[in-house]
């Protein structure tokens, strides 16, 4: 019995690991009725479909493997910023500042 990991003539869309901010924006979007997904034009090109509370739009351009995922997350970030009027700030510098604040608070609250 095989592992099931071989590509048996399937379509390779590449792989992409979302950044924390991108994952947060996607989660917010889905919770708020915004669904963004690839739609195949061919085995190597995809459109992006955007469904906002039942209203569906399709991107005019197509994207190749890996690039399709990056663009989908850009759209999630765009809609998050548009509807919440703020950006998700989860970059390394922001996280580093948050860690410093937590450390400072813990130092301020030490008893000894």
N, C-alpha and C. Protein backbone atom coordinates (compact mmCIF):
# COMPACT_ATOMS: atom_id res chain seq x y z
N UNK A 1 0.85 -1.17 0.00
CA UNK A 1 0.00 0.00 0.00
C UNK A 1 0.90 1.23 0.00
N UNK A 2 0.59 2.19 -0.87
CA UNK A 2 1.41 3.39 -1.00
C UNK A 2 1.06 4.44 0.03
N UNK A 3 1.91 5.43 0.10
CA UNK A 3 1.72 6.51 1.06
C UNK A 3 0.72 7.55 0.60
N UNK A 4 0.42 7.54 -0.71
CA UNK A 4 -0.52 8.50 -1.24
C UNK A 4 0.11 9.86 -1.53
N UNK A 5 1.43 9.98 -1.45
CA UNK A 5 2.08 11.25 -1.65
C UNK A 5 2.55 11.47 -3.08
N UNK A 6 2.47 10.46 -3.92
CA UNK A 6 2.90 10.61 -5.31
C UNK A 6 1.85 11.39 -6.09
N UNK A 7 2.32 12.25 -6.99
CA UNK A 7 1.43 12.99 -7.86
C UNK A 7 1.03 12.07 -9.02
N UNK A 8 -0.17 11.61 -9.01
CA UNK A 8 -0.63 10.64 -10.01
C UNK A 8 -1.35 11.37 -11.14
N UNK A 9 -0.62 12.26 -11.81
CA UNK A 9 -1.23 13.02 -12.89
C UNK A 9 -2.08 14.17 -12.40
N UNK A 10 -2.03 14.46 -11.11
CA UNK A 10 -2.80 15.56 -10.54
C UNK A 10 -2.19 16.90 -10.89
N UNK A 11 -2.83 17.94 -10.48
CA UNK A 11 -2.38 19.29 -10.77
C UNK A 11 -1.52 19.79 -9.62
N UNK A 12 -0.36 20.34 -9.95
CA UNK A 12 0.56 20.88 -8.95
C UNK A 12 0.36 22.39 -8.84
N UNK A 13 -0.22 22.82 -7.73
CA UNK A 13 -0.43 24.25 -7.51
C UNK A 13 0.66 24.85 -6.65
N UNK A 14 1.68 24.06 -6.34
CA UNK A 14 2.75 24.55 -5.48
C UNK A 14 2.29 24.58 -4.03
N UNK A 15 3.19 24.96 -3.18
CA UNK A 15 2.82 25.07 -1.77
C UNK A 15 3.28 26.43 -1.25
N UNK A 16 2.57 26.93 -0.26
CA UNK A 16 2.87 28.23 0.32
C UNK A 16 2.42 28.21 1.76
N UNK A 17 3.29 28.62 2.67
CA UNK A 17 2.93 28.71 4.08
C UNK A 17 2.61 30.16 4.40
N UNK A 18 1.39 30.40 4.83
CA UNK A 18 0.98 31.78 5.10
C UNK A 18 1.68 32.33 6.33
N UNK A 19 1.91 33.64 6.28
CA UNK A 19 2.43 34.35 7.44
C UNK A 19 1.30 34.48 8.45
N UNK A 20 1.66 34.75 9.69
CA UNK A 20 0.64 34.86 10.74
C UNK A 20 -0.41 35.90 10.39
N UNK A 21 0.02 37.05 9.88
CA UNK A 21 -0.93 38.10 9.52
C UNK A 21 -1.86 37.63 8.40
N UNK A 22 -1.34 36.88 7.44
CA UNK A 22 -2.16 36.37 6.34
C UNK A 22 -3.18 35.35 6.84
N UNK A 23 -2.74 34.48 7.73
CA UNK A 23 -3.65 33.48 8.29
C UNK A 23 -4.76 34.16 9.10
N UNK A 24 -4.38 35.19 9.88
CA UNK A 24 -5.38 35.93 10.66
C UNK A 24 -6.40 36.62 9.75
N UNK A 25 -5.91 37.22 8.66
CA UNK A 25 -6.81 37.89 7.72
C UNK A 25 -7.76 36.89 7.06
N UNK A 26 -7.23 35.72 6.70
CA UNK A 26 -8.08 34.68 6.09
C UNK A 26 -9.16 34.23 7.08
N UNK A 27 -8.76 34.00 8.31
CA UNK A 27 -9.72 33.57 9.33
C UNK A 27 -10.80 34.63 9.54
N UNK A 28 -10.39 35.90 9.62
CA UNK A 28 -11.36 36.98 9.77
C UNK A 28 -12.30 37.01 8.57
N UNK A 29 -11.73 36.87 7.36
CA UNK A 29 -12.54 36.90 6.14
C UNK A 29 -13.59 35.82 6.12
N UNK A 30 -13.20 34.61 6.42
CA UNK A 30 -14.14 33.49 6.41
C UNK A 30 -15.24 33.69 7.44
N UNK A 31 -14.87 34.18 8.63
CA UNK A 31 -15.87 34.44 9.67
C UNK A 31 -16.85 35.54 9.26
N UNK A 32 -16.42 36.39 8.31
CA UNK A 32 -17.25 37.50 7.87
C UNK A 32 -17.80 37.34 6.45
N UNK A 33 -17.86 36.09 5.99
CA UNK A 33 -18.50 35.79 4.71
C UNK A 33 -17.69 36.13 3.48
N UNK A 34 -16.36 36.18 3.62
CA UNK A 34 -15.49 36.44 2.48
C UNK A 34 -14.69 35.17 2.19
N UNK A 35 -14.93 34.62 1.02
CA UNK A 35 -14.27 33.37 0.62
C UNK A 35 -13.48 33.63 -0.65
N UNK A 36 -12.20 33.33 -0.63
CA UNK A 36 -11.33 33.57 -1.78
C UNK A 36 -10.67 32.25 -2.14
N UNK A 37 -10.79 31.87 -3.42
CA UNK A 37 -10.30 30.55 -3.83
C UNK A 37 -9.80 30.57 -5.27
N UNK A 38 -8.92 29.61 -5.61
CA UNK A 38 -8.48 29.50 -7.01
C UNK A 38 -9.53 28.83 -7.87
N UNK A 39 -9.53 29.18 -9.15
CA UNK A 39 -10.43 28.58 -10.14
C UNK A 39 -9.59 28.30 -11.38
N UNK A 40 -9.48 27.03 -11.78
CA UNK A 40 -8.56 26.63 -12.84
C UNK A 40 -8.97 27.14 -14.22
N UNK A 41 -8.00 27.72 -14.91
CA UNK A 41 -8.14 28.03 -16.33
C UNK A 41 -7.53 26.89 -17.14
N UNK A 42 -6.41 26.39 -16.62
CA UNK A 42 -5.69 25.27 -17.23
C UNK A 42 -4.93 24.57 -16.11
N UNK A 43 -4.22 23.48 -16.41
CA UNK A 43 -3.45 22.81 -15.35
C UNK A 43 -2.30 23.64 -14.76
N UNK A 44 -1.99 24.78 -15.41
CA UNK A 44 -0.88 25.61 -14.90
C UNK A 44 -1.26 27.05 -14.62
N UNK A 45 -2.54 27.41 -14.81
CA UNK A 45 -3.00 28.78 -14.58
C UNK A 45 -4.34 28.79 -13.85
N UNK A 46 -4.48 29.76 -12.94
CA UNK A 46 -5.70 29.86 -12.15
C UNK A 46 -6.16 31.30 -12.06
N UNK A 47 -7.48 31.47 -12.08
CA UNK A 47 -8.11 32.73 -11.73
C UNK A 47 -8.33 32.72 -10.23
N UNK A 48 -8.69 33.87 -9.69
CA UNK A 48 -9.08 33.94 -8.28
C UNK A 48 -10.55 34.33 -8.24
N UNK A 49 -11.34 33.55 -7.51
CA UNK A 49 -12.74 33.90 -7.31
C UNK A 49 -12.90 34.45 -5.89
N UNK A 50 -13.67 35.50 -5.79
CA UNK A 50 -13.91 36.15 -4.50
C UNK A 50 -15.42 36.16 -4.29
N UNK A 51 -15.84 35.54 -3.20
CA UNK A 51 -17.25 35.47 -2.85
C UNK A 51 -17.44 36.27 -1.57
N UNK A 52 -18.12 37.40 -1.67
CA UNK A 52 -18.40 38.24 -0.50
C UNK A 52 -19.89 38.20 -0.26
N UNK A 53 -20.27 37.43 0.73
CA UNK A 53 -21.68 37.27 1.10
C UNK A 53 -22.56 36.95 -0.11
N UNK A 54 -22.09 36.02 -0.95
CA UNK A 54 -22.87 35.55 -2.09
C UNK A 54 -22.62 36.28 -3.40
N UNK A 55 -21.95 37.43 -3.35
CA UNK A 55 -21.62 38.15 -4.59
C UNK A 55 -20.25 37.66 -5.05
N UNK A 56 -20.20 37.04 -6.23
CA UNK A 56 -18.97 36.40 -6.71
C UNK A 56 -18.32 37.23 -7.81
N UNK A 57 -17.01 37.44 -7.67
CA UNK A 57 -16.20 38.12 -8.67
C UNK A 57 -15.03 37.23 -9.03
N UNK A 58 -14.52 37.40 -10.25
CA UNK A 58 -13.36 36.63 -10.70
C UNK A 58 -12.29 37.58 -11.19
N UNK A 59 -11.06 37.30 -10.83
CA UNK A 59 -9.94 38.15 -11.26
C UNK A 59 -9.82 38.12 -12.78
N UNK A 60 -9.45 39.25 -13.39
CA UNK A 60 -9.29 39.26 -14.84
C UNK A 60 -8.01 38.55 -15.29
N UNK A 61 -7.00 38.52 -14.43
CA UNK A 61 -5.75 37.87 -14.79
C UNK A 61 -5.63 36.49 -14.14
N UNK A 62 -4.72 35.70 -14.67
CA UNK A 62 -4.47 34.38 -14.11
C UNK A 62 -3.13 34.38 -13.40
N UNK A 63 -2.93 33.37 -12.57
CA UNK A 63 -1.70 33.24 -11.77
C UNK A 63 -1.17 31.83 -11.90
N UNK A 64 0.13 31.69 -11.81
CA UNK A 64 0.78 30.39 -11.84
C UNK A 64 0.86 29.78 -10.46
N UNK A 65 1.47 28.58 -10.41
CA UNK A 65 1.58 27.89 -9.11
C UNK A 65 2.39 28.74 -8.14
N UNK A 66 2.14 28.60 -6.90
CA UNK A 66 2.66 29.34 -5.76
C UNK A 66 2.18 30.79 -5.79
N UNK A 67 2.33 31.47 -6.92
CA UNK A 67 1.87 32.86 -7.01
C UNK A 67 0.37 32.97 -6.72
N UNK A 68 -0.39 31.95 -7.07
CA UNK A 68 -1.83 31.95 -6.82
C UNK A 68 -2.12 32.09 -5.32
N UNK A 69 -1.36 31.37 -4.51
CA UNK A 69 -1.58 31.41 -3.06
C UNK A 69 -1.19 32.76 -2.48
N UNK A 70 -0.07 33.31 -2.94
CA UNK A 70 0.37 34.62 -2.46
C UNK A 70 -0.69 35.68 -2.77
N UNK A 71 -1.24 35.63 -3.96
CA UNK A 71 -2.25 36.62 -4.35
C UNK A 71 -3.54 36.44 -3.57
N UNK A 72 -3.92 35.22 -3.30
CA UNK A 72 -5.12 34.98 -2.48
C UNK A 72 -4.96 35.62 -1.11
N UNK A 73 -3.81 35.44 -0.50
CA UNK A 73 -3.59 36.03 0.82
C UNK A 73 -3.51 37.55 0.75
N UNK A 74 -2.99 38.10 -0.34
CA UNK A 74 -2.99 39.57 -0.51
C UNK A 74 -4.42 40.09 -0.53
N UNK A 75 -5.32 39.36 -1.21
CA UNK A 75 -6.72 39.75 -1.22
C UNK A 75 -7.33 39.68 0.18
N UNK A 76 -7.04 38.63 0.92
CA UNK A 76 -7.56 38.56 2.29
C UNK A 76 -7.07 39.74 3.12
N UNK A 77 -5.78 40.08 3.00
CA UNK A 77 -5.25 41.24 3.74
C UNK A 77 -5.93 42.53 3.29
N UNK A 78 -6.17 42.66 1.99
CA UNK A 78 -6.84 43.85 1.46
C UNK A 78 -8.24 44.00 2.05
N UNK A 79 -9.03 42.93 2.03
CA UNK A 79 -10.39 43.02 2.53
C UNK A 79 -10.43 43.20 4.04
N UNK A 80 -9.49 42.61 4.75
CA UNK A 80 -9.42 42.85 6.19
C UNK A 80 -9.21 44.34 6.45
N UNK A 81 -8.21 44.94 5.79
CA UNK A 81 -7.91 46.36 5.98
C UNK A 81 -9.09 47.23 5.54
N UNK A 82 -9.74 46.88 4.44
CA UNK A 82 -10.85 47.67 3.91
C UNK A 82 -12.03 47.71 4.88
N UNK A 83 -12.41 46.57 5.42
CA UNK A 83 -13.61 46.50 6.24
C UNK A 83 -13.37 46.79 7.71
N UNK A 84 -12.17 46.63 8.20
CA UNK A 84 -11.92 46.93 9.61
C UNK A 84 -11.22 48.27 9.78
N UNK A 85 -10.80 48.87 8.68
CA UNK A 85 -10.08 50.15 8.67
C UNK A 85 -8.76 50.07 9.45
N UNK A 86 -8.19 48.88 9.48
CA UNK A 86 -6.88 48.71 10.12
C UNK A 86 -6.13 47.58 9.44
N UNK A 87 -4.85 47.56 9.63
CA UNK A 87 -4.02 46.50 9.08
C UNK A 87 -3.64 45.54 10.19
N UNK A 88 -3.43 44.30 9.84
CA UNK A 88 -2.93 43.33 10.81
C UNK A 88 -1.43 43.53 10.89
N UNK A 89 -0.95 43.80 12.05
CA UNK A 89 0.48 44.05 12.23
C UNK A 89 1.09 42.92 13.03
N UNK A 90 1.60 41.94 12.33
CA UNK A 90 2.16 40.77 12.99
C UNK A 90 3.58 40.48 12.50
N UNK A 91 4.22 41.46 11.90
CA UNK A 91 5.57 41.24 11.41
C UNK A 91 6.53 40.98 12.55
N UNK A 92 7.75 40.53 12.25
CA UNK A 92 8.73 40.19 13.29
C UNK A 92 9.03 41.35 14.24
N UNK A 93 9.10 42.59 13.73
CA UNK A 93 9.40 43.73 14.59
C UNK A 93 8.26 44.00 15.57
N UNK A 94 7.03 43.85 15.10
CA UNK A 94 5.87 44.08 15.97
C UNK A 94 5.83 43.02 17.06
N UNK A 95 6.06 41.77 16.69
CA UNK A 95 6.06 40.69 17.68
C UNK A 95 7.18 40.90 18.69
N UNK A 96 8.35 41.34 18.22
CA UNK A 96 9.48 41.61 19.12
C UNK A 96 9.11 42.70 20.12
N UNK A 97 8.43 43.76 19.68
CA UNK A 97 8.00 44.84 20.58
C UNK A 97 7.00 44.31 21.61
N UNK A 98 6.09 43.43 21.16
CA UNK A 98 5.10 42.87 22.08
C UNK A 98 5.78 42.02 23.15
N UNK A 99 6.79 41.26 22.76
CA UNK A 99 7.54 40.45 23.72
C UNK A 99 8.23 41.34 24.74
N UNK A 100 8.84 42.44 24.28
CA UNK A 100 9.51 43.37 25.20
C UNK A 100 8.52 43.96 26.20
N UNK A 101 7.30 44.29 25.73
CA UNK A 101 6.28 44.84 26.62
C UNK A 101 5.89 43.82 27.69
N UNK A 102 5.72 42.57 27.28
CA UNK A 102 5.36 41.52 28.23
C UNK A 102 6.46 41.33 29.26
N UNK A 103 7.72 41.32 28.80
CA UNK A 103 8.85 41.18 29.71
C UNK A 103 8.91 42.35 30.68
N UNK A 104 8.68 43.56 30.18
CA UNK A 104 8.71 44.74 31.03
C UNK A 104 7.63 44.67 32.09
N UNK A 105 6.42 44.26 31.70
CA UNK A 105 5.32 44.15 32.66
C UNK A 105 5.64 43.11 33.72
N UNK A 106 6.25 41.99 33.30
CA UNK A 106 6.57 40.95 34.27
C UNK A 106 7.67 41.43 35.23
N UNK A 107 8.60 42.25 34.74
CA UNK A 107 9.63 42.80 35.61
C UNK A 107 9.03 43.81 36.58
N UNK A 108 8.05 44.59 36.14
CA UNK A 108 7.40 45.58 37.00
C UNK A 108 6.61 44.91 38.13
N UNK A 109 6.12 43.71 37.89
CA UNK A 109 5.27 43.03 38.86
C UNK A 109 6.02 42.04 39.75
N UNK A 110 7.33 42.01 39.66
CA UNK A 110 8.09 41.07 40.48
C UNK A 110 8.07 41.52 41.95
N UNK A 111 7.96 40.57 42.84
CA UNK A 111 7.92 40.86 44.26
C UNK A 111 9.32 40.94 44.88
N UNK A 112 10.31 40.33 44.32
CA UNK A 112 11.64 40.30 44.90
C UNK A 112 12.60 41.12 44.11
